[in-house]
PDB file of all heavy atoms in Angstrom:
ATOM      1  N   LYS A   1      32.456 -60.671  77.752  1.00  0.00           N
ATOM      2  CA  LYS A   1      32.041 -61.400  78.949  1.00  0.00           C
ATOM      3  C   LYS A   1      32.620 -60.700  80.174  1.00  0.00           C
ATOM      4  O   LYS A   1      33.772 -60.278  80.156  1.00  0.00           O
ATOM      5  CB  LYS A   1      32.590 -62.828  78.913  1.00  0.00           C
ATOM      6  CG  LYS A   1      31.869 -63.757  77.979  1.00  0.00           C
ATOM      7  CD  LYS A   1      32.573 -65.066  77.948  1.00  0.00           C
ATOM      8  CE  LYS A   1      31.786 -66.134  78.631  1.00  0.00           C
ATOM      9  NZ  LYS A   1      32.434 -67.434  78.545  1.00  0.00           N
ATOM     10  N   PRO A   2      31.839 -60.578  81.239  1.00  0.00           N
ATOM     11  CA  PRO A   2      32.411 -59.982  82.450  1.00  0.00           C
ATOM     12  C   PRO A   2      33.459 -60.920  83.045  1.00  0.00           C
ATOM     13  O   PRO A   2      33.271 -62.129  83.101  1.00  0.00           O
ATOM     14  CB  PRO A   2      31.207 -59.831  83.380  1.00  0.00           C
ATOM     15  CG  PRO A   2      30.186 -60.777  82.853  1.00  0.00           C
ATOM     16  CD  PRO A   2      30.448 -60.939  81.396  1.00  0.00           C
ATOM     17  N   ARG A   3      34.566 -60.364  83.429  1.00  0.00           N
ATOM     18  CA  ARG A   3      35.639 -61.173  84.009  1.00  0.00           C
ATOM     19  C   ARG A   3      35.449 -61.289  85.506  1.00  0.00           C
ATOM     20  O   ARG A   3      34.993 -60.367  86.162  1.00  0.00           O
ATOM     21  CB  ARG A   3      36.992 -60.520  83.727  1.00  0.00           C
ATOM     22  CG  ARG A   3      37.384 -60.665  82.282  1.00  0.00           C
ATOM     23  CD  ARG A   3      38.716 -60.072  81.977  1.00  0.00           C
ATOM     24  NE  ARG A   3      39.652 -60.241  83.066  1.00  0.00           N
ATOM     25  CZ  ARG A   3      40.850 -59.688  83.089  1.00  0.00           C
ATOM     26  NH1 ARG A   3      41.237 -58.942  82.104  1.00  0.00           N
ATOM     27  NH2 ARG A   3      41.667 -59.876  84.108  1.00  0.00           N
ATOM     28  N   GLN A   4      35.814 -62.439  86.029  1.00  0.00           N
ATOM     29  CA  GLN A   4      35.726 -62.659  87.463  1.00  0.00           C
ATOM     30  C   GLN A   4      36.883 -61.934  88.134  1.00  0.00           C
ATOM     31  O   GLN A   4      38.027 -62.043  87.692  1.00  0.00           O
ATOM     32  CB  GLN A   4      35.792 -64.144  87.762  1.00  0.00           C
ATOM     33  CG  GLN A   4      35.598 -64.463  89.215  1.00  0.00           C
ATOM     34  CD  GLN A   4      35.628 -65.961  89.450  1.00  0.00           C
ATOM     35  OE1 GLN A   4      36.017 -66.720  88.596  1.00  0.00           O
ATOM     36  NE2 GLN A   4      35.222 -66.370  90.615  1.00  0.00           N
ATOM     37  N   ILE A   5      36.585 -61.188  89.178  1.00  0.00           N
ATOM     38  CA  ILE A   5      37.608 -60.422  89.867  1.00  0.00           C
ATOM     39  C   ILE A   5      38.150 -61.259  91.018  1.00  0.00           C
ATOM     40  O   ILE A   5      37.413 -61.676  91.903  1.00  0.00           O
ATOM     41  CB  ILE A   5      37.041 -59.094  90.391  1.00  0.00           C
ATOM     42  CG1 ILE A   5      36.532 -58.255  89.216  1.00  0.00           C
ATOM     43  CG2 ILE A   5      38.087 -58.340  91.188  1.00  0.00           C
ATOM     44  CD1 ILE A   5      35.767 -57.031  89.637  1.00  0.00           C
ATOM     45  N   LEU A   6      39.436 -61.509  90.978  1.00  0.00           N
ATOM     46  CA  LEU A   6      40.101 -62.255  92.039  1.00  0.00           C
ATOM     47  C   LEU A   6      41.050 -61.327  92.782  1.00  0.00           C
ATOM     48  O   LEU A   6      41.539 -60.355  92.205  1.00  0.00           O
ATOM     49  CB  LEU A   6      40.888 -63.429  91.446  1.00  0.00           C
ATOM     50  CG  LEU A   6      40.061 -64.478  90.712  1.00  0.00           C
ATOM     51  CD1 LEU A   6      40.982 -65.516  90.087  1.00  0.00           C
ATOM     52  CD2 LEU A   6      39.103 -65.147  91.667  1.00  0.00           C
ATOM     53  N   PRO A   7      41.323 -61.610  94.042  1.00  0.00           N
ATOM     54  CA  PRO A   7      42.256 -60.749  94.770  1.00  0.00           C
ATOM     55  C   PRO A   7      43.644 -60.803  94.146  1.00  0.00           C
ATOM     56  O   PRO A   7      44.083 -61.844  93.661  1.00  0.00           O
ATOM     57  CB  PRO A   7      42.262 -61.333  96.182  1.00  0.00           C
ATOM     58  CG  PRO A   7      41.638 -62.661  96.091  1.00  0.00           C
ATOM     59  CD  PRO A   7      40.818 -62.694  94.845  1.00  0.00           C
ATOM     60  N   LYS A   8      44.336 -59.664  94.146  1.00  0.00           N
ATOM     61  CA  LYS A   8      45.668 -59.597  93.551  1.00  0.00           C
ATOM     62  C   LYS A   8      46.736 -60.065  94.523  1.00  0.00           C
ATOM     63  O   LYS A   8      47.829 -60.378  94.126  1.00  0.00           O
ATOM     64  CB  LYS A   8      45.952 -58.179  93.082  1.00  0.00           C
ATOM     65  CG  LYS A   8      45.065 -57.773  91.934  1.00  0.00           C
ATOM     66  CD  LYS A   8      45.432 -56.448  91.378  1.00  0.00           C
ATOM     67  CE  LYS A   8      44.470 -56.139  90.251  1.00  0.00           C
ATOM     68  NZ  LYS A   8      44.841 -55.018  89.473  1.00  0.00           N
ATOM     69  N   TRP A   9      46.431 -60.080  95.790  1.00  0.00           N
ATOM     70  CA  TRP A   9      47.382 -60.547  96.783  1.00  0.00           C
ATOM     71  C   TRP A   9      46.785 -61.752  97.477  1.00  0.00           C
ATOM     72  O   TRP A   9      45.587 -61.988  97.427  1.00  0.00           O
ATOM     73  CB  TRP A   9      47.675 -59.456  97.803  1.00  0.00           C
ATOM     74  CG  TRP A   9      46.437 -59.011  98.500  1.00  0.00           C
ATOM     75  CD1 TRP A   9      45.589 -58.019  98.125  1.00  0.00           C
ATOM     76  CD2 TRP A   9      45.851 -59.590  99.669  1.00  0.00           C
ATOM     77  NE1 TRP A   9      44.528 -57.932  98.978  1.00  0.00           N
ATOM     78  CE2 TRP A   9      44.663 -58.885  99.940  1.00  0.00           C
ATOM     79  CE3 TRP A   9      46.209 -60.624 100.513  1.00  0.00           C
ATOM     80  CZ2 TRP A   9      43.859 -59.185 101.027  1.00  0.00           C
ATOM     81  CZ3 TRP A   9      45.389 -60.909 101.587  1.00  0.00           C
ATOM     82  CH2 TRP A   9      44.237 -60.187 101.837  1.00  0.00           C
ATOM     83  N   SER A  10      47.626 -62.510  98.105  1.00  0.00           N
ATOM     84  CA  SER A  10      47.152 -63.685  98.809  1.00  0.00           C
ATOM     85  C   SER A  10      48.076 -63.977  99.973  1.00  0.00           C
ATOM     86  O   SER A  10      49.283 -63.776  99.891  1.00  0.00           O
ATOM     87  CB  SER A  10      47.110 -64.886  97.864  1.00  0.00           C
ATOM     88  OG  SER A  10      46.807 -66.048  98.577  1.00  0.00           O
ATOM     89  N   SER A  11      47.508 -64.456 101.052  1.00  0.00           N
ATOM     90  CA  SER A  11      48.342 -64.865 102.176  1.00  0.00           C
ATOM     91  C   SER A  11      49.076 -66.157 101.845  1.00  0.00           C
ATOM     92  O   SER A  11      49.933 -66.596 102.598  1.00  0.00           O
ATOM     93  CB  SER A  11      47.498 -65.038 103.433  1.00  0.00           C
ATOM     94  OG  SER A  11      46.546 -66.051 103.226  1.00  0.00           O
ATOM     95  N   LEU A  12      48.730 -66.784 100.706  1.00  0.00           N
ATOM     96  CA  LEU A  12      49.434 -67.995 100.291  1.00  0.00           C
ATOM     97  C   LEU A  12      50.785 -67.691  99.684  1.00  0.00           C
ATOM     98  O   LEU A  12      51.540 -68.600  99.363  1.00  0.00           O
ATOM     99  CB  LEU A  12      48.587 -68.783  99.288  1.00  0.00           C
ATOM    100  CG  LEU A  12      47.263 -69.290  99.835  1.00  0.00           C
ATOM    101  CD1 LEU A  12      46.491 -69.993  98.745  1.00  0.00           C
ATOM    102  CD2 LEU A  12      47.490 -70.222 100.993  1.00  0.00           C
ATOM    103  N   ASP A  13      51.102 -66.399  99.508  1.00  0.00           N
ATOM    104  CA  ASP A  13      52.421 -66.039  99.022  1.00  0.00           C
ATOM    105  C   ASP A  13      53.478 -66.460 100.045  1.00  0.00           C
ATOM    106  O   ASP A  13      54.599 -66.773  99.687  1.00  0.00           O
ATOM    107  CB  ASP A  13      52.506 -64.545  98.746  1.00  0.00           C
ATOM    108  CG  ASP A  13      51.586 -64.130  97.610  1.00  0.00           C
ATOM    109  OD1 ASP A  13      51.204 -65.006  96.795  1.00  0.00           O
ATOM    110  OD2 ASP A  13      51.236 -62.943  97.539  1.00  0.00           O
ATOM    111  N   ALA A  14      53.102 -66.466 101.313  1.00  0.00           N
ATOM    112  CA  ALA A  14      53.976 -66.958 102.371  1.00  0.00           C
ATOM    113  C   ALA A  14      53.520 -68.373 102.734  1.00  0.00           C
ATOM    114  O   ALA A  14      52.342 -68.703 102.621  1.00  0.00           O
ATOM    115  CB  ALA A  14      53.865 -66.059 103.599  1.00  0.00           C
ATOM    116  N   PRO A  15      54.441 -69.234 103.160  1.00  0.00           N
ATOM    117  CA  PRO A  15      54.033 -70.602 103.501  1.00  0.00           C
ATOM    118  C   PRO A  15      53.108 -70.630 104.713  1.00  0.00           C
ATOM    119  O   PRO A  15      53.227 -69.816 105.618  1.00  0.00           O
ATOM    120  CB  PRO A  15      55.356 -71.308 103.801  1.00  0.00           C
ATOM    121  CG  PRO A  15      56.346 -70.238 104.031  1.00  0.00           C
ATOM    122  CD  PRO A  15      55.868 -69.012 103.318  1.00  0.00           C
ATOM    123  N   LEU A  16      52.165 -71.575 104.704  1.00  0.00           N
ATOM    124  CA  LEU A  16      51.243 -71.728 105.828  1.00  0.00           C
ATOM    125  C   LEU A  16      51.961 -72.361 107.001  1.00  0.00           C
ATOM    126  O   LEU A  16      52.796 -73.246 106.833  1.00  0.00           O
ATOM    127  CB  LEU A  16      50.058 -72.604 105.432  1.00  0.00           C
ATOM    128  CG  LEU A  16      49.093 -72.024 104.419  1.00  0.00           C
ATOM    129  CD1 LEU A  16      48.063 -73.063 104.045  1.00  0.00           C
ATOM    130  CD2 LEU A  16      48.429 -70.793 104.961  1.00  0.00           C
ATOM    131  N   SER A  17      51.624 -71.923 108.180  1.00  0.00           N
ATOM    132  CA  SER A  17      52.226 -72.469 109.382  1.00  0.00           C
ATOM    133  C   SER A  17      51.308 -73.537 109.969  1.00  0.00           C
ATOM    134  O   SER A  17      50.117 -73.306 110.165  1.00  0.00           O
ATOM    135  CB  SER A  17      52.453 -71.361 110.410  1.00  0.00           C
ATOM    136  OG  SER A  17      52.863 -71.908 111.639  1.00  0.00           O
ATOM    137  N   THR A  18      51.862 -74.703 110.269  1.00  0.00           N
ATOM    138  CA  THR A  18      51.062 -75.759 110.901  1.00  0.00           C
ATOM    139  C   THR A  18      50.849 -75.461 112.375  1.00  0.00           C
ATOM    140  O   THR A  18      50.044 -76.111 113.028  1.00  0.00           O
ATOM    141  CB  THR A  18      51.744 -77.129 110.742  1.00  0.00           C
ATOM    142  OG1 THR A  18      53.054 -77.052 111.278  1.00  0.00           O
ATOM    143  CG2 THR A  18      51.793 -77.527 109.280  1.00  0.00           C
ATOM    144  N   ALA A  19      51.559 -74.460 112.907  1.00  0.00           N
ATOM    145  CA  ALA A  19      51.387 -74.083 114.303  1.00  0.00           C
ATOM    146  C   ALA A  19      50.087 -73.302 114.515  1.00  0.00           C
ATOM    147  O   ALA A  19      49.682 -73.098 115.645  1.00  0.00           O
ATOM    148  CB  ALA A  19      52.573 -73.250 114.777  1.00  0.00           C
ATOM    149  N   HIS A  20      49.457 -72.863 113.435  1.00  0.00           N
ATOM    150  CA  HIS A  20      48.217 -72.096 113.529  1.00  0.00           C
ATOM    151  C   HIS A  20      47.093 -72.828 112.802  1.00  0.00           C
ATOM    152  O   HIS A  20      46.655 -72.404 111.729  1.00  0.00           O
ATOM    153  CB  HIS A  20      48.404 -70.696 112.934  1.00  0.00           C
ATOM    154  CG  HIS A  20      49.472 -69.901 113.594  1.00  0.00           C
ATOM    155  ND1 HIS A  20      49.367 -69.445 114.882  1.00  0.00           N
ATOM    156  CD2 HIS A  20      50.693 -69.508 113.150  1.00  0.00           C
ATOM    157  CE1 HIS A  20      50.464 -68.788 115.207  1.00  0.00           C
ATOM    158  NE2 HIS A  20      51.289 -68.818 114.169  1.00  0.00           N
ATOM    159  N   PRO A  21      46.598 -73.927 113.369  1.00  0.00           N
ATOM    160  CA  PRO A  21      45.547 -74.688 112.672  1.00  0.00           C
ATOM    161  C   PRO A  21      44.216 -73.955 112.598  1.00  0.00           C
ATOM    162  O   PRO A  21      43.357 -74.318 111.819  1.00  0.00           O
ATOM    163  CB  PRO A  21      45.430 -75.962 113.499  1.00  0.00           C
ATOM    164  CG  PRO A  21      45.915 -75.583 114.845  1.00  0.00           C
ATOM    165  CD  PRO A  21      46.969 -74.536 114.629  1.00  0.00           C
ATOM    166  N   ASP A  22      44.043 -72.893 113.419  1.00  0.00           N
ATOM    167  CA  ASP A  22      42.790 -72.139 113.402  1.00  0.00           C
ATOM    168  C   ASP A  22      42.818 -70.980 112.418  1.00  0.00           C
ATOM    169  O   ASP A  22      41.856 -70.215 112.336  1.00  0.00           O
ATOM    170  CB  ASP A  22      42.453 -71.620 114.803  1.00  0.00           C
ATOM    171  CG  ASP A  22      42.149 -72.756 115.757  1.00  0.00           C
ATOM    172  OD1 ASP A  22      41.654 -73.804 115.288  1.00  0.00           O
ATOM    173  OD2 ASP A  22      42.410 -72.610 116.959  1.00  0.00           O
ATOM    174  N   GLN A  23      43.915 -70.838 111.682  1.00  0.00           N
ATOM    175  CA  GLN A  23      44.001 -69.784 110.670  1.00  0.00           C
ATOM    176  C   GLN A  23      42.944 -70.049 109.604  1.00  0.00           C
ATOM    177  O   GLN A  23      42.816 -71.166 109.113  1.00  0.00           O
ATOM    178  CB  GLN A  23      45.388 -69.773 110.044  1.00  0.00           C
ATOM    179  CG  GLN A  23      45.552 -68.759 108.945  1.00  0.00           C
ATOM    180  CD  GLN A  23      46.931 -68.828 108.308  1.00  0.00           C
ATOM    181  OE1 GLN A  23      47.774 -69.617 108.718  1.00  0.00           O
ATOM    182  NE2 GLN A  23      47.149 -68.002 107.313  1.00  0.00           N
ATOM    183  N   ILE A  24      42.174 -69.022 109.255  1.00  0.00           N
ATOM    184  CA  ILE A  24      41.094 -69.187 108.280  1.00  0.00           C
ATOM    185  C   ILE A  24      41.566 -68.724 106.909  1.00  0.00           C
ATOM    186  O   ILE A  24      42.073 -67.621 106.756  1.00  0.00           O
ATOM    187  CB  ILE A  24      39.836 -68.402 108.691  1.00  0.00           C
ATOM    188  CG1 ILE A  24      39.299 -68.926 110.019  1.00  0.00           C
ATOM    189  CG2 ILE A  24      38.769 -68.490 107.620  1.00  0.00           C
ATOM    190  CD1 ILE A  24      38.118 -68.167 110.558  1.00  0.00           C
ATOM    191  N   LEU A  25      41.389 -69.607 105.936  1.00  0.00           N
ATOM    192  CA  LEU A  25      41.674 -69.270 104.546  1.00  0.00           C
ATOM    193  C   LEU A  25      40.389 -68.767 103.914  1.00  0.00           C
ATOM    194  O   LEU A  25      39.326 -69.329 104.153  1.00  0.00           O
ATOM    195  CB  LEU A  25      42.133 -70.514 103.778  1.00  0.00           C
ATOM    196  CG  LEU A  25      43.346 -71.251 104.311  1.00  0.00           C
ATOM    197  CD1 LEU A  25      43.476 -72.594 103.612  1.00  0.00           C
ATOM    198  CD2 LEU A  25      44.580 -70.418 104.104  1.00  0.00           C
ATOM    199  N   SER A  26      40.483 -67.714 103.119  1.00  0.00           N
ATOM    200  CA  SER A  26      39.300 -67.285 102.379  1.00  0.00           C
ATOM    201  C   SER A  26      38.978 -68.360 101.344  1.00  0.00           C
ATOM    202  O   SER A  26      39.788 -69.241 101.065  1.00  0.00           O
ATOM    203  CB  SER A  26      39.542 -65.942 101.687  1.00  0.00           C
ATOM    204  OG  SER A  26      40.435 -66.109 100.604  1.00  0.00           O
ATOM    205  N   PHE A  27      37.794 -68.286 100.769  1.00  0.00           N
ATOM    206  CA  PHE A  27      37.393 -69.290  99.791  1.00  0.00           C
ATOM    207  C   PHE A  27      38.368 -69.332  98.617  1.00  0.00           C
ATOM    208  O   PHE A  27      38.783 -70.403  98.176  1.00  0.00           O
ATOM    209  CB  PHE A  27      35.971 -68.999  99.299  1.00  0.00           C
ATOM    210  CG  PHE A  27      35.538 -69.903  98.193  1.00  0.00           C
ATOM    211  CD1 PHE A  27      35.212 -71.223  98.444  1.00  0.00           C
ATOM    212  CD2 PHE A  27      35.472 -69.441  96.894  1.00  0.00           C
ATOM    213  CE1 PHE A  27      34.827 -72.068  97.422  1.00  0.00           C
ATOM    214  CE2 PHE A  27      35.076 -70.272  95.861  1.00  0.00           C
ATOM    215  CZ  PHE A  27      34.757 -71.584  96.132  1.00  0.00           C
ATOM    216  N   HIS A  28      38.770 -68.162  98.109  1.00  0.00           N
ATOM    217  CA  HIS A  28      39.697 -68.113  96.971  1.00  0.00           C
ATOM    218  C   HIS A  28      41.071 -68.658  97.353  1.00  0.00           C
ATOM    219  O   HIS A  28      41.711 -69.345  96.561  1.00  0.00           O
ATOM    220  CB  HIS A  28      39.822 -66.690  96.439  1.00  0.00           C
ATOM    221  CG  HIS A  28      38.591 -66.211  95.741  1.00  0.00           C
ATOM    222  ND1 HIS A  28      38.186 -66.680  94.524  1.00  0.00           N
ATOM    223  CD2 HIS A  28      37.643 -65.316  96.114  1.00  0.00           C
ATOM    224  CE1 HIS A  28      37.067 -66.096  94.161  1.00  0.00           C
ATOM    225  NE2 HIS A  28      36.707 -65.268  95.128  1.00  0.00           N
ATOM    226  N   GLU A  29      41.523 -68.357  98.576  1.00  0.00           N
ATOM    227  CA  GLU A  29      42.809 -68.890  99.033  1.00  0.00           C
ATOM    228  C   GLU A  29      42.748 -70.405  99.150  1.00  0.00           C
ATOM    229  O   GLU A  29      43.694 -71.104  98.794  1.00  0.00           O
ATOM    230  CB  GLU A  29      43.184 -68.265 100.380  1.00  0.00           C
ATOM    231  CG  GLU A  29      43.555 -66.816 100.288  1.00  0.00           C
ATOM    232  CD  GLU A  29      43.730 -66.175 101.649  1.00  0.00           C
ATOM    233  OE1 GLU A  29      43.188 -66.711 102.649  1.00  0.00           O
ATOM    234  OE2 GLU A  29      44.394 -65.147 101.717  1.00  0.00           O
TER     235      GLU A  29
END
């Protein structure tokens, strides 16, 4: 079966800042 490729890195490795409510998360994030 073909495996789904997901990003190996994520901006979620660092905590999200509530000071930036306009920060866009990718769909996978």
